[in-house]
Amino acid sequence: MIVVSGFYAITWLPGNVYGLLGVLGDNTTLIDSRYYAAMFIAFCSVSINPFIYATKFHLIKKVLIDTIACMRTPV
């Protein structure tokens, strides 16, 4: 859970800094390319979370290995 929380904090940091700059009076708009880059990085965390869970948590890893037919050992 520490990995997921850390990754969430890192990926949402640019968007929050951009928003803070907008509140503090910097000349930022939502049409700025920096905004879109920050949001792209933030939304990458949603895409990466399943892979973090699949590689770090043993229960999920076991279920995934059991469901993949090529990973099963013949009985």
C-alpha atoms as a PDB file:
ATOM      1  CA  MET A   1       0.000   0.000   0.000  1.00  0.00           C
ATOM      2  CA  ILE A   2       2.982   2.281   0.543  1.00  0.00           C
ATOM      3  CA  VAL A   3       4.010   1.869  -3.103  1.00  0.00           C
ATOM      4  CA  VAL A   4       0.506   2.705  -4.348  1.00  0.00           C
ATOM      5  CA  SER A   5       0.197   5.717  -2.033  1.00  0.00           C
ATOM      6  CA  GLY A   6       3.651   6.990  -2.956  1.00  0.00           C
ATOM      7  CA  PHE A   7       2.973   6.604  -6.662  1.00  0.00           C
ATOM      8  CA  TYR A   8      -0.344   8.440  -6.251  1.00  0.00           C
ATOM      9  CA  ALA A   9       1.360  11.326  -4.447  1.00  0.00           C
ATOM     10  CA  ILE A  10       4.116  11.588  -7.059  1.00  0.00           C
ATOM     11  CA  THR A  11       1.793  11.508 -10.060  1.00  0.00           C
ATOM     12  CA  TRP A  12      -0.719  14.025  -8.697  1.00  0.00           C
ATOM     13  CA  LEU A  13       1.957  16.460  -7.479  1.00  0.00           C
ATOM     14  CA  PRO A  14       2.435  18.317 -10.823  1.00  0.00           C
ATOM     15  CA  GLY A  15      -1.321  18.920 -11.152  1.00  0.00           C
ATOM     16  CA  ASN A  16      -1.583  20.197  -7.604  1.00  0.00           C
ATOM     17  CA  VAL A  17       1.407  22.497  -8.056  1.00  0.00           C
ATOM     18  CA  TYR A  18      -0.125  23.817 -11.267  1.00  0.00           C
ATOM     19  CA  GLY A  19      -3.412  24.473  -9.448  1.00  0.00           C
ATOM     20  CA  LEU A  20      -1.594  26.191  -6.600  1.00  0.00           C
ATOM     21  CA  LEU A  21       0.194  28.448  -9.077  1.00  0.00           C
ATOM     22  CA  GLY A  22      -3.168  29.361 -10.571  1.00  0.00           C
ATOM     23  CA  VAL A  23      -4.583  30.255  -7.157  1.00  0.00           C
ATOM     24  CA  LEU A  24      -1.546  32.313  -6.229  1.00  0.00           C
ATOM     25  CA  GLY A  25      -2.014  34.529  -9.255  1.00  0.00           C
ATOM     26  CA  ASP A  26       0.341  33.089 -11.847  1.00  0.00           C
ATOM     27  CA  ASN A  27      -0.948  33.626 -15.358  1.00  0.00           C
ATOM     28  CA  THR A  28      -2.095  30.018 -15.922  1.00  0.00           C
ATOM     29  CA  THR A  29      -5.127  28.831 -17.850  1.00  0.00           C
ATOM     30  CA  LEU A  30      -6.704  25.459 -18.467  1.00  0.00           C
ATOM     31  CA  ILE A  31      -5.763  25.737 -22.140  1.00  0.00           C
ATOM     32  CA  ASP A  32      -2.068  25.724 -21.265  1.00  0.00           C
ATOM     33  CA  SER A  33      -0.072  22.684 -22.397  1.00  0.00           C
ATOM     34  CA  ARG A  34       1.466  22.376 -18.916  1.00  0.00           C
ATOM     35  CA  TYR A  35      -2.011  21.635 -17.556  1.00  0.00           C
ATOM     36  CA  TYR A  36      -2.555  18.811 -20.021  1.00  0.00           C
ATOM     37  CA  ALA A  37       0.877  17.352 -19.277  1.00  0.00           C
ATOM     38  CA  ALA A  38       0.177  17.444 -15.524  1.00  0.00           C
ATOM     39  CA  MET A  39      -3.205  15.763 -15.975  1.00  0.00           C
ATOM     40  CA  PHE A  40      -1.721  13.114 -18.267  1.00  0.00           C
ATOM     41  CA  ILE A  41       0.833  12.248 -15.580  1.00  0.00           C
ATOM     42  CA  ALA A  42      -1.896  12.195 -12.937  1.00  0.00           C
ATOM     43  CA  PHE A  43      -4.150   9.883 -14.928  1.00  0.00           C
ATOM     44  CA  CYS A  44      -1.255   7.521 -15.601  1.00  0.00           C
ATOM     45  CA  SER A  45      -1.521   6.466 -11.960  1.00  0.00           C
ATOM     46  CA  VAL A  46      -4.937   4.975 -12.727  1.00  0.00           C
ATOM     47  CA  SER A  47      -3.443   2.927 -15.550  1.00  0.00           C
ATOM     48  CA  ILE A  48      -0.414   1.772 -13.591  1.00  0.00           C
ATOM     49  CA  ASN A  49      -2.237   0.727 -10.386  1.00  0.00           C
ATOM     50  CA  PRO A  50      -3.329  -2.726 -11.674  1.00  0.00           C
ATOM     51  CA  PHE A  51       0.260  -3.534 -12.609  1.00  0.00           C
ATOM     52  CA  ILE A  52       1.520  -2.456  -9.183  1.00  0.00           C
ATOM     53  CA  TYR A  53      -1.075  -4.671  -7.507  1.00  0.00           C
ATOM     54  CA  ALA A  54      -0.247  -7.575  -9.810  1.00  0.00           C
ATOM     55  CA  THR A  55       3.472  -7.441  -9.080  1.00  0.00           C
ATOM     56  CA  LYS A  56       3.528  -6.541  -5.392  1.00  0.00           C
ATOM     57  CA  PHE A  57       0.641  -8.339  -3.683  1.00  0.00           C
ATOM     58  CA  HIS A  58       0.986 -12.108  -3.366  1.00  0.00           C
ATOM     59  CA  LEU A  59      -2.740 -12.910  -3.226  1.00  0.00           C
ATOM     60  CA  ILE A  60      -3.452 -11.100  -6.472  1.00  0.00           C
ATOM     61  CA  LYS A  61      -0.339 -12.549  -8.072  1.00  0.00           C
ATOM     62  CA  LYS A  62      -1.495 -16.056  -7.118  1.00  0.00           C
ATOM     63  CA  VAL A  63      -4.972 -15.504  -8.579  1.00  0.00           C
ATOM     64  CA  LEU A  64      -3.504 -14.131 -11.822  1.00  0.00           C
ATOM     65  CA  ILE A  65      -1.102 -17.041 -12.177  1.00  0.00           C
ATOM     66  CA  ASP A  66      -3.964 -19.488 -11.555  1.00  0.00           C
ATOM     67  CA  THR A  67      -6.115 -17.867 -14.241  1.00  0.00           C
ATOM     68  CA  ILE A  68      -3.422 -17.759 -16.932  1.00  0.00           C
ATOM     69  CA  ALA A  69      -3.479 -21.102 -18.711  1.00  0.00           C
ATOM     70  CA  CYS A  70       0.128 -21.052 -19.929  1.00  0.00           C
ATOM     71  CA  MET A  71       1.452 -20.550 -16.383  1.00  0.00           C
ATOM     72  CA  ARG A  72      -0.255 -23.644 -14.943  1.00  0.00           C
ATOM     73  CA  THR A  73       1.802 -26.714 -14.207  1.00  0.00           C
ATOM     74  CA  PRO A  74       0.408 -29.960 -15.625  1.00  0.00           C
ATOM     75  CA  VAL A  75      -1.076 -32.293 -13.012  1.00  0.00           C
END
